[in-house]
Protein backbone atom coordinates (compact mmCIF):
# COMPACT_ATOMS: atom_id res chain seq x y z
CA MET A 1 -1.51 14.25 -24.55
CA ALA A 2 2.19 13.49 -24.31
CA GLY A 3 3.47 16.41 -26.31
CA GLY A 4 1.10 19.25 -25.46
CA ASP A 5 3.50 21.51 -23.60
CA GLU A 6 2.69 24.80 -25.36
CA SER A 7 -0.83 25.10 -23.98
CA CYS A 8 0.38 24.07 -20.52
CA GLN A 9 3.05 26.77 -20.51
CA GLN A 10 0.52 29.44 -21.38
CA ALA A 11 -2.03 28.24 -18.83
CA GLY A 12 -0.16 27.66 -15.60
CA GLY A 13 3.48 28.61 -15.88
CA ASP A 14 6.16 26.45 -14.29
CA ALA A 15 3.88 23.93 -12.54
CA LEU A 16 1.98 22.94 -15.67
CA GLN A 17 5.22 22.92 -17.64
CA LYS A 18 6.64 20.35 -15.23
CA LEU A 19 3.45 18.33 -15.44
CA ALA A 20 3.63 18.32 -19.23
CA ARG A 21 7.26 17.21 -19.10
CA PHE A 22 6.43 14.40 -16.69
CA ARG A 23 3.58 13.22 -18.91
CA ARG A 24 5.86 13.24 -21.94
CA GLU A 25 8.50 11.15 -20.14
CA LEU A 26 5.81 8.81 -18.86
CA PHE A 27 4.58 8.30 -22.40
CA TRP A 28 8.05 7.16 -23.51
CA CYS A 29 7.98 4.44 -20.81
CA LEU A 30 5.11 2.75 -22.68
CA TRP A 31 6.64 0.73 -25.49
CA ARG A 32 3.68 -1.37 -26.68
CA ARG A 33 0.19 0.05 -27.27
CA PRO A 34 1.45 3.35 -25.83
CA ASP A 35 -1.41 5.56 -27.04
CA ALA A 36 -4.12 3.30 -25.65
CA LEU A 37 -2.30 2.86 -22.32
CA PHE A 38 -1.69 6.59 -21.96
CA GLU A 39 -5.30 7.50 -22.68
CA LEU A 40 -6.44 4.77 -20.26
CA ILE A 41 -4.29 6.39 -17.55
CA ASP A 42 -6.01 9.73 -18.21
CA ALA A 43 -9.42 8.06 -18.13
CA VAL A 44 -8.69 6.44 -14.76
CA LEU A 45 -7.57 9.74 -13.25
CA ALA A 46 -10.49 11.73 -14.64
CA ALA A 47 -13.34 9.22 -14.30
CA GLY A 48 -15.93 9.17 -11.59
CA TYR A 49 -17.46 5.88 -10.50
CA ALA A 50 -17.09 3.18 -13.15
CA GLY A 51 -18.79 -0.16 -12.61
CA SER A 52 -16.42 -1.98 -14.96
CA LEU A 53 -13.62 -1.27 -17.39
CA PRO A 54 -15.76 -0.59 -20.50
CA TYR A 55 -17.16 2.48 -18.76
CA LEU A 56 -13.72 4.06 -18.96
CA SER A 57 -14.05 4.19 -22.74
CA LEU A 58 -16.86 6.72 -22.28
CA GLU A 59 -14.49 9.28 -20.78
CA PRO A 60 -13.53 12.13 -23.12
CA ALA A 61 -9.84 11.44 -22.47
CA PHE A 62 -10.19 7.95 -23.95
CA ARG A 63 -10.76 8.50 -27.65
CA ARG A 64 -11.02 4.83 -28.63
CA GLY A 65 -13.55 2.03 -28.48
CA HIS A 66 -14.16 -0.05 -25.38
CA GLY A 67 -12.24 -2.97 -26.88
CA MET A 68 -9.02 -0.99 -26.71
CA VAL A 69 -9.31 -0.89 -22.92
CA TYR A 70 -8.82 -4.64 -22.77
CA GLN A 71 -6.27 -4.62 -25.57
CA ALA A 72 -4.17 -2.00 -23.79
CA LEU A 73 -4.05 -4.06 -20.61
CA SER A 74 -3.61 -7.46 -22.24
CA GLU A 75 -1.09 -6.50 -24.93
CA GLY A 76 0.40 -3.26 -23.60
CA GLY A 77 3.98 -3.13 -22.42
CA ILE A 78 5.86 -0.92 -19.94
CA ASP A 79 9.60 -0.38 -19.68
CA GLU A 80 9.75 -1.21 -15.97
CA GLU A 81 13.26 0.06 -15.27
CA ALA A 82 12.61 3.32 -17.12
CA LEU A 83 9.40 3.82 -15.14
CA ARG A 84 11.20 3.24 -11.84
CA ASP A 85 13.90 5.74 -12.87
CA LEU A 86 11.17 8.23 -13.77
CA LEU A 87 9.47 7.90 -10.38
CA VAL A 88 12.78 8.46 -8.59
CA ALA A 89 13.64 11.46 -10.75
CA TRP A 90 10.25 13.09 -10.14
CA ARG A 91 9.96 12.46 -6.41
CA PRO A 92 9.22 15.52 -4.22
CA ARG A 93 12.55 17.22 -3.55
CA ASP A 94 11.32 19.05 -0.45
CA TRP A 95 10.27 15.83 1.32
CA PRO A 96 12.65 14.06 3.72
CA LEU A 97 14.60 11.02 2.53
CA VAL A 98 12.25 8.64 4.36
CA PHE A 99 10.70 5.75 2.46
CA ALA A 100 8.14 3.28 3.79
CA ILE A 101 7.91 -0.36 2.68
CA ASP A 102 4.76 -2.36 3.29
CA ALA A 103 2.57 -4.96 1.60
CA SER A 104 -1.12 -4.55 0.84
CA ALA A 105 -3.52 -7.39 0.11
CA TYR A 106 -6.11 -6.90 -2.63
CA PRO A 107 -9.04 -9.22 -1.79
CA ARG A 108 -10.71 -10.93 -4.72
CA PRO A 109 -12.75 -13.73 -3.07
CA GLY A 110 -15.35 -13.74 -5.84
CA ALA A 111 -12.95 -13.89 -8.82
CA GLU A 112 -12.95 -17.65 -9.01
CA THR A 113 -11.82 -17.74 -12.64
CA SER A 114 -8.71 -15.64 -12.02
CA PRO A 115 -5.56 -17.78 -11.71
CA GLY A 116 -2.76 -17.03 -9.33
CA ARG A 117 -4.95 -16.10 -6.38
CA GLU A 118 -3.46 -16.98 -3.02
CA TRP A 119 -4.53 -16.78 0.60
CA HIS A 120 -3.25 -13.57 2.16
CA HIS A 121 -3.75 -12.06 5.58
CA HIS A 122 -5.81 -8.89 5.70
CA SER A 123 -6.67 -6.56 8.54
CA CYS A 124 -10.48 -6.53 8.12
CA PRO A 125 -11.76 -10.03 8.99
CA GLY A 126 -15.29 -10.70 7.86
CA SER A 127 -15.54 -7.68 5.57
CA HIS A 128 -15.40 -9.79 2.42
CA GLY A 129 -18.17 -12.30 3.08
CA SER A 130 -17.64 -15.18 5.50
CA ASP A 131 -13.85 -15.14 5.30
CA GLY A 132 -11.71 -14.92 8.39
CA ALA A 133 -8.28 -13.40 8.79
CA ALA A 134 -7.19 -14.68 5.35
CA VAL A 135 -8.76 -13.88 2.00
CA ALA A 136 -8.18 -15.06 -1.56
CA GLY A 137 -6.51 -12.42 -3.68
CA TRP A 138 -3.13 -10.93 -4.45
CA ALA A 139 -0.59 -8.92 -2.47
CA PHE A 140 1.79 -6.20 -3.61
CA GLN A 141 4.72 -4.72 -1.74
CA TRP A 142 5.09 -0.96 -2.06
CA LEU A 143 8.01 1.38 -1.59
CA ALA A 144 6.85 4.98 -1.26
CA GLN A 145 8.29 8.24 -0.04
CA VAL A 146 6.42 9.78 2.89
CA SER A 147 6.12 13.33 4.16
CA PHE A 148 5.99 14.66 7.72
CA ALA A 149 3.40 17.29 6.77
CA PRO A 150 -0.26 16.61 7.67
CA GLY A 151 -1.96 14.80 4.83
CA SER A 152 -2.22 11.43 3.17
CA TRP A 153 -0.22 11.88 -0.03
CA THR A 154 2.67 9.54 -0.75
CA ALA A 155 5.06 9.32 -3.69
CA PRO A 156 5.19 5.70 -4.95
CA GLN A 157 8.67 4.63 -6.02
CA ASP A 158 8.44 0.89 -6.58
CA GLN A 159 6.06 -2.05 -6.41
CA VAL A 160 6.58 -5.81 -6.62
CA ARG A 161 4.21 -8.75 -6.48
CA ALA A 162 4.40 -10.53 -3.10
CA GLY A 163 3.41 -14.18 -3.31
CA ALA A 164 2.22 -16.18 -0.34
CA GLY A 165 5.37 -18.32 -0.49
CA ASP A 166 7.80 -15.46 -1.14
CA ASP A 167 10.18 -14.09 1.46
CA ALA A 168 8.89 -10.55 2.02
CA THR A 169 12.03 -9.58 3.96
CA ARG A 170 14.32 -10.65 1.14
CA GLN A 171 12.14 -8.81 -1.37
CA ALA A 172 12.31 -5.68 0.79
CA ALA A 173 16.11 -5.89 0.89
CA GLU A 174 16.25 -6.17 -2.89
CA GLN A 175 13.96 -3.16 -3.22
CA VAL A 176 16.13 -1.13 -0.85
CA ILE A 177 19.33 -1.97 -2.72
CA ALA A 178 17.86 -1.20 -6.14
CA HIS A 179 16.11 2.00 -5.03
CA SER A 180 19.14 3.41 -3.23
CA ALA A 181 21.24 2.76 -6.35
CA ARG A 182 18.75 4.75 -8.42
CA MET A 183 18.83 7.55 -5.87
CA ARG A 184 22.61 7.79 -6.14
CA ALA A 185 22.45 7.64 -9.93
CA ALA A 186 19.98 10.56 -9.83
CA GLY A 187 22.53 12.63 -7.90
CA GLN A 188 21.21 12.19 -4.35
CA ALA A 189 24.06 12.45 -1.87
CA GLY A 190 22.04 11.92 1.32
CA ILE A 191 21.54 8.57 3.05
CA PRO A 192 17.92 7.43 2.75
CA LEU A 193 16.01 5.91 5.66
CA TYR A 194 13.77 2.92 4.93
CA VAL A 195 10.98 2.28 7.45
CA LEU A 196 9.34 -1.14 7.88
CA ASP A 197 6.70 -2.54 10.19
CA ALA A 198 6.99 -5.46 12.60
CA GLY A 199 5.95 -7.96 9.93
CA TYR A 200 9.50 -7.93 8.55
CA ASP A 201 12.38 -9.80 10.20
CA GLU A 202 14.85 -7.17 11.29
CA ALA A 203 17.90 -9.44 11.67
CA PRO A 204 17.65 -11.14 8.23
CA LEU A 205 16.98 -7.73 6.65
CA THR A 206 20.12 -6.29 8.22
CA TRP A 207 22.07 -9.38 7.15
CA ASP A 208 20.92 -9.02 3.53
CA LEU A 209 21.96 -5.34 3.60
CA ARG A 210 25.31 -5.93 5.32
CA GLY A 211 27.26 -4.73 2.26
CA HIS A 212 25.16 -1.57 1.85
CA LEU A 213 24.73 -0.24 5.38
CA ASP A 214 27.28 2.47 4.70
CA ARG A 215 24.87 3.96 2.14
CA VAL A 216 21.41 3.14 3.56
CA GLN A 217 19.74 3.00 6.96
CA VAL A 218 16.77 0.90 8.01
CA LEU A 219 14.28 1.31 10.85
CA VAL A 220 12.09 -1.66 11.83
CA ARG A 221 9.45 -1.79 14.55
CA LEU A 222 9.89 -4.46 17.23
CA ARG A 223 7.55 -6.08 19.72
CA ASN A 224 7.67 -4.66 23.23
CA ASP A 225 8.65 -8.03 24.73
CA ARG A 226 11.85 -8.59 22.78
CA VAL A 227 15.06 -9.70 24.49
CA LEU A 228 18.47 -8.66 23.15
CA TYR A 229 22.01 -9.20 24.41
CA ARG A 230 25.13 -7.16 24.82
CA ASP A 231 28.55 -8.47 23.94
CA PRO A 232 30.08 -10.68 26.69
CA PRO A 233 32.96 -9.34 28.77
CA PRO A 234 36.54 -10.12 27.64
CA ARG A 235 37.51 -13.75 28.04
CA VAL A 236 39.65 -14.57 31.07
CA PRO A 237 43.09 -15.78 29.92
CA GLY A 238 43.59 -19.51 30.41
CA ARG A 239 39.90 -20.21 31.05
CA ALA A 240 38.71 -23.46 29.50
CA GLY A 241 35.58 -23.84 27.44
CA ARG A 242 34.08 -22.32 24.34
CA PRO A 243 34.12 -18.51 24.09
CA ARG A 244 30.77 -16.93 24.86
CA ILE A 245 28.82 -15.13 22.15
CA HIS A 246 25.92 -13.66 24.15
CA GLY A 247 26.09 -12.01 27.51
CA SER A 248 23.98 -13.12 30.46
CA GLY A 249 22.73 -11.56 33.66
CA SER A 250 23.62 -7.87 33.47
CA ASP A 251 24.36 -8.25 29.72
CA ARG A 252 20.76 -9.19 28.97
CA PHE A 253 18.44 -6.42 27.66
CA GLU A 254 14.72 -6.98 28.17
CA CYS A 255 12.41 -4.40 26.67
CA LYS A 256 9.76 -5.00 29.35
CA ASN A 257 12.22 -4.79 32.27
CA PRO A 258 13.68 -1.29 32.77
CA ALA A 259 16.17 -2.67 35.31
CA THR A 260 18.09 -4.34 32.47
CA TRP A 261 18.35 -1.30 30.23
CA GLY A 262 21.26 0.59 31.66
CA PRO A 263 22.12 4.17 30.66
CA PRO A 264 21.29 5.00 27.01
CA GLY A 265 24.01 5.98 24.58
CA GLN A 266 21.84 8.79 23.15
CA GLU A 267 18.81 10.62 24.53
CA LEU A 268 16.46 13.24 23.16
CA ALA A 269 13.58 14.98 24.96
CA VAL A 270 11.36 17.58 23.29
CA ASP A 271 7.97 19.16 24.04
CA ASP A 272 5.56 19.00 21.13
CA GLU A 273 2.35 20.98 20.82
CA LYS A 274 0.32 17.95 19.69
CA TYR A 275 2.01 15.02 21.42
CA GLY A 276 3.21 16.53 24.66
CA HIS A 277 6.55 15.37 26.01
CA VAL A 278 8.37 13.18 23.47
CA SER A 279 11.22 11.08 24.82
CA VAL A 280 13.63 9.16 22.57
CA MET A 281 16.45 6.93 23.87
CA SER A 282 18.96 4.74 22.06
CA TRP A 283 21.22 1.86 23.10
CA ASP A 284 23.94 0.51 20.84
CA GLY A 285 25.86 -2.75 20.62
CA LEU A 286 22.81 -5.02 21.08
CA HIS A 287 22.13 -8.19 19.13
CA PRO A 288 19.48 -10.95 19.20
CA LYS A 289 20.13 -14.62 19.81
CA LEU A 290 19.81 -16.39 16.46
CA PHE A 291 19.74 -20.06 15.48
CA CYS A 292 20.68 -22.05 12.38
CA ARG A 293 17.15 -22.39 11.08
CA GLY A 294 14.77 -20.41 8.93
CA ARG A 295 16.67 -17.68 7.13
CA PHE A 296 20.00 -18.95 8.52
CA ALA A 297 19.45 -22.63 7.80
CA GLY A 298 22.64 -24.24 6.53
CA PHE A 299 24.95 -21.91 8.45
CA SER A 300 27.67 -23.59 10.48
CA LYS A 301 26.94 -21.11 13.26
CA PRO A 302 24.45 -18.23 13.46
CA PRO A 303 25.82 -14.75 12.78
CA VAL A 304 25.95 -11.95 15.31
CA ILE A 305 23.94 -9.01 13.94
CA ARG A 306 24.22 -5.83 15.98
CA CYS A 307 21.85 -2.88 16.00
CA HIS A 308 20.90 0.33 17.77
CA LEU A 309 17.73 -0.10 19.83
CA VAL A 310 15.52 3.02 19.93
CA ARG A 311 12.66 3.67 22.36
CA VAL A 312 10.03 6.37 21.66
CA THR A 313 7.29 7.53 24.08
CA VAL A 314 4.73 10.36 24.00
CA THR A 315 2.40 11.68 26.69
CA ARG A 316 -0.70 12.39 24.58
CA LEU A 317 -2.21 11.95 21.14
CA PRO A 318 -4.45 14.28 19.13
CA ASN A 319 -8.24 13.95 19.30
CA GLY A 320 -8.10 12.49 22.79
CA ARG A 321 -6.99 9.02 21.68
CA ALA A 322 -5.45 6.65 24.18
CA VAL A 323 -1.68 6.86 24.45
CA PRO A 324 -0.05 3.60 23.29
CA GLY A 325 2.83 1.91 25.04
CA PRO A 326 6.46 2.60 24.21
CA LEU A 327 7.57 2.10 20.64
CA TRP A 328 10.70 -0.04 20.16
CA LEU A 329 12.68 0.29 16.95
CA TRP A 330 15.62 -1.54 15.39
CA TRP A 331 18.01 0.82 13.61
CA ALA A 332 20.95 -0.18 11.41
CA GLY A 333 23.09 2.09 9.29
CA PRO A 334 26.26 4.15 9.21
CA GLY A 335 27.36 5.93 12.37
CA GLN A 336 24.79 6.88 14.99
CA PRO A 337 21.03 7.17 14.45
CA ASP A 338 19.37 10.57 14.14
CA LEU A 339 16.87 10.33 17.00
CA ASP A 340 14.74 13.20 15.75
CA LEU A 341 14.43 11.56 12.33
CA CYS A 342 13.77 8.14 13.83
CA ALA A 343 10.97 9.47 16.03
CA SER A 344 9.35 11.33 13.12
CA GLY A 345 9.62 8.60 10.51
CA SER A 346 9.07 5.50 12.64
CA PRO A 347 6.11 3.25 11.79
CA SER A 348 2.96 3.59 13.92
CA THR A 349 3.94 7.07 15.11
CA PRO A 350 1.50 9.94 14.56
CA SER A 351 3.56 11.53 11.79
CA ALA A 352 3.79 8.28 9.84
CA GLY A 353 0.35 6.97 10.67
CA THR A 354 -1.70 8.80 8.04
CA ARG A 355 -3.50 6.75 5.46
CA PRO A 356 -1.68 6.86 2.11
CA ARG A 357 -3.93 7.58 -0.83
CA CYS A 358 -1.98 5.53 -3.35
CA ALA A 359 -1.53 2.27 -1.44
CA ILE A 360 -4.77 1.42 0.35
CA PRO A 361 -7.25 -0.65 -1.64
CA GLY A 362 -10.93 -1.07 -1.02
CA ARG A 363 -13.51 -3.37 -2.53
CA SER A 364 -14.20 -3.89 -6.18
CA ALA A 365 -17.64 -3.45 -7.69
CA ALA A 366 -18.81 -5.39 -10.69
CA GLY A 367 -21.22 -3.75 -13.07
CA PRO A 368 -22.69 -4.05 -16.53
CA GLY A 369 -20.07 -5.18 -18.98
CA SER A 370 -17.81 -6.86 -16.42
CA SER A 371 -16.34 -10.23 -17.23
CA SER A 372 -14.14 -12.85 -15.65
CA ALA A 373 -10.49 -11.98 -15.43
CA ARG A 374 -7.99 -14.39 -16.90
CA SER A 375 -4.95 -12.95 -15.21
CA PRO A 376 -4.33 -11.34 -11.81
CA SER A 377 -2.63 -8.41 -13.45
CA CYS A 378 -5.91 -7.33 -15.00
CA ALA A 379 -6.89 -5.29 -11.97
CA TRP A 380 -3.48 -4.08 -10.83
CA PRO A 381 0.01 -4.05 -12.31
CA GLY A 382 1.54 -7.52 -12.24
CA ARG A 383 4.91 -8.47 -10.85
CA SER A 384 7.27 -5.51 -11.06
CA LEU A 385 4.65 -3.13 -12.51
CA LYS A 386 4.13 -5.27 -15.63
CA THR A 387 0.69 -4.91 -17.24
CA THR A 388 0.10 -8.28 -18.81
CA GLY A 389 -3.16 -10.19 -19.04
CA SER A 390 -6.80 -9.40 -19.56
CA ALA A 391 -8.68 -6.75 -17.66
CA GLY A 392 -12.09 -8.23 -17.06
CA ASN A 393 -13.12 -8.45 -13.44
CA ALA A 394 -11.47 -5.22 -12.30
CA ALA A 395 -13.62 -2.22 -11.54
CA ALA A 396 -12.17 1.16 -12.33
CA SER A 397 -13.40 4.02 -10.23
CA ARG A 398 -12.53 7.46 -9.02
CA GLY A 399 -8.95 8.62 -9.45
CA ASN A 400 -7.47 11.57 -7.59
CA SER A 401 -5.62 14.33 -9.35
CA ALA A 402 -2.36 15.41 -7.78
CA PRO A 403 0.41 17.96 -8.22
CA ALA A 404 3.19 17.32 -10.72
CA GLY A 405 6.09 15.20 -9.59
CA SER A 406 4.46 13.83 -6.45
CA ALA A 407 1.14 12.05 -6.27
CA ALA A 408 0.43 12.58 -9.96
CA ILE A 409 2.66 9.59 -10.57
CA SER A 410 -0.02 7.32 -9.12
CA VAL A 411 -1.16 6.85 -12.71
CA ALA A 412 -2.79 3.42 -12.48
CA TRP A 413 -3.48 3.40 -8.73
CA LEU A 414 -7.27 3.03 -8.55
CA ARG A 415 -9.40 4.03 -5.59
CA TRP A 416 -12.21 1.54 -5.23
CA PRO A 417 -15.73 2.56 -4.13
CA ALA A 418 -16.80 2.14 -0.54
CA PRO A 419 -18.49 -1.18 0.32
CA ARG A 420 -22.26 -1.22 0.40
CA PRO A 421 -23.99 -1.88 3.74
CA ALA A 422 -25.13 -5.43 4.32
CA ARG A 423 -28.78 -6.15 3.49
CA GLN A 424 -30.82 -7.40 6.46
CA ASN A 425 -34.26 -8.99 6.50
CA PRO A 426 -36.98 -7.26 8.59
CA PRO A 427 -37.68 -8.82 12.01
CA LYS A 428 -40.38 -11.50 12.13
CA PRO A 429 -43.58 -10.62 14.07
CA ALA A 430 -44.47 -12.46 17.25
CA PRO A 431 -46.63 -15.62 16.74
CA ASP A 432 -49.56 -14.24 18.77
CA GLY A 433 -49.11 -10.64 17.80
CA PRO A 434 -51.20 -8.66 15.35
CA LYS A 435 -50.52 -9.41 11.73
CA ALA A 436 -49.20 -6.68 9.57
CA ALA A 437 -51.52 -5.18 7.03
CA PRO A 438 -50.89 -6.28 3.45
CA ALA A 439 -48.69 -4.06 1.40
CA PRO A 440 -50.64 -1.60 -0.76
CA ARG A 441 -50.81 -2.56 -4.39
CA LEU A 442 -49.75 -0.18 -7.08
CA PRO A 443 -52.64 1.35 -9.01
CA GLY A 444 -53.29 -0.06 -12.44
CA ILE A 445 -51.67 1.67 -15.35
CA PRO A 446 -54.34 2.99 -17.71
CA SER A 447 -54.03 1.74 -21.25
CA SER A 448 -53.79 4.16 -24.11
CA ARG A 449 -56.07 1.91 -26.20
CA LYS A 450 -59.78 2.74 -25.91
CA GLN A 451 -61.82 -0.18 -24.64
CA PRO A 452 -65.09 -0.94 -26.50
CA ASP A 453 -68.41 -0.21 -24.80
CA LEU A 454 -70.23 -3.55 -24.74
CA THR A 455 -73.54 -1.98 -23.61
CA GLN A 456 -74.04 -0.38 -26.99
CA ARG A 457 -75.16 -2.25 -30.02
CA VAL A 458 -73.20 -1.68 -33.13
CA LYS A 459 -75.06 -1.91 -36.39
CA THR A 460 -73.21 -3.31 -39.30
CA GLN A 461 -74.09 -3.62 -42.90
CA GLY A 462 -75.08 -7.27 -42.57
CA GLY A 463 -77.36 -6.84 -39.57
CA THR A 464 -77.36 -6.05 -35.88
CA THR A 465 -74.88 -7.52 -33.41
């Protein structure tokens, strides 16, 4: 378990020694019911399909009764800050300093007894019954390190509960500030790049990080119809009126109108074996037109938030897929953006478009022994990785083993079984058509008891019957 390093050193050398050290440090992050929680982690990673949580108690790694599964999840405790520090310390050192932030919805439309469920948007309408684009469940916001190598492994670094009424952009800014501080405390001198999709507001995110943009950089995808503005020309001396904040005419930058772009401040063109000709251009000194509402409600006047606008195009995609339109990105950070890094780590690009194994949920599957959950944290870690509550309606299934220090830290990240195909009734025959023959009946099961032969007369002591 946590302290078995001798056998690991003899078996696999340095790799298994690191794995044993990571497991020992992970064990010390569990401060209440640590043995049961640690064995439950091993059972999740080693188990095959499990219809419900009691099945995990049948795994050899879990040496306790099935009741301890629920007790570990309902009464167990995790030192959240120590666990976050552990994940940062054991991140892959040979991966680039690129971290993706995104939220994933975990649909639970059938868990009617679970409190705290909210309506969240999900990308598979109709796949969870008769629901539309929103489904009842919970959402969690992940921060994970990504790699440019082909594959789907990610290194989770942080996770927070994202409520339907929470500001996801503000939560992302808090995650970036806290994670970058841990990176510096761990001795990392480089400036990390945090990548976000178009669901996050780029201007409020940059505003929340205004005191940290000398130590972090953010890259946010924009719509291809955005309009930004350059700074207005110098004010004419003695001219009456209020000073202008946004330019107009030639100072207007429309992403869909190349005539308004002007010459880029930076440009990069490379030929890639998979994606053909890759072109990256950057313009600096641009800012959007903001108003005193929403995130900036209560301001006397809206702030001016400047950025570097990056445009990425490719000529082909692997497997003959259709080439998408240009990709527009908002970059904010110290100095000038690294165009090669921005093109490789941008969201929705081929290098960042692989499916992460530790952050994509599927459907749950109830089985014998399942019960109604009393807390949303029964199936997944609660707010800020806290495991509080009962563990009834969750279905534990196959976990993936991973190398030490990288994807092995996905300790409680479950991979749910694939959904079953929908059951359809056979087509009805035509009214005037031939009727189908009746289904054949199963042959009778012979009885082991010998039946009496009524044709014979049995003589008894008292007479003949």
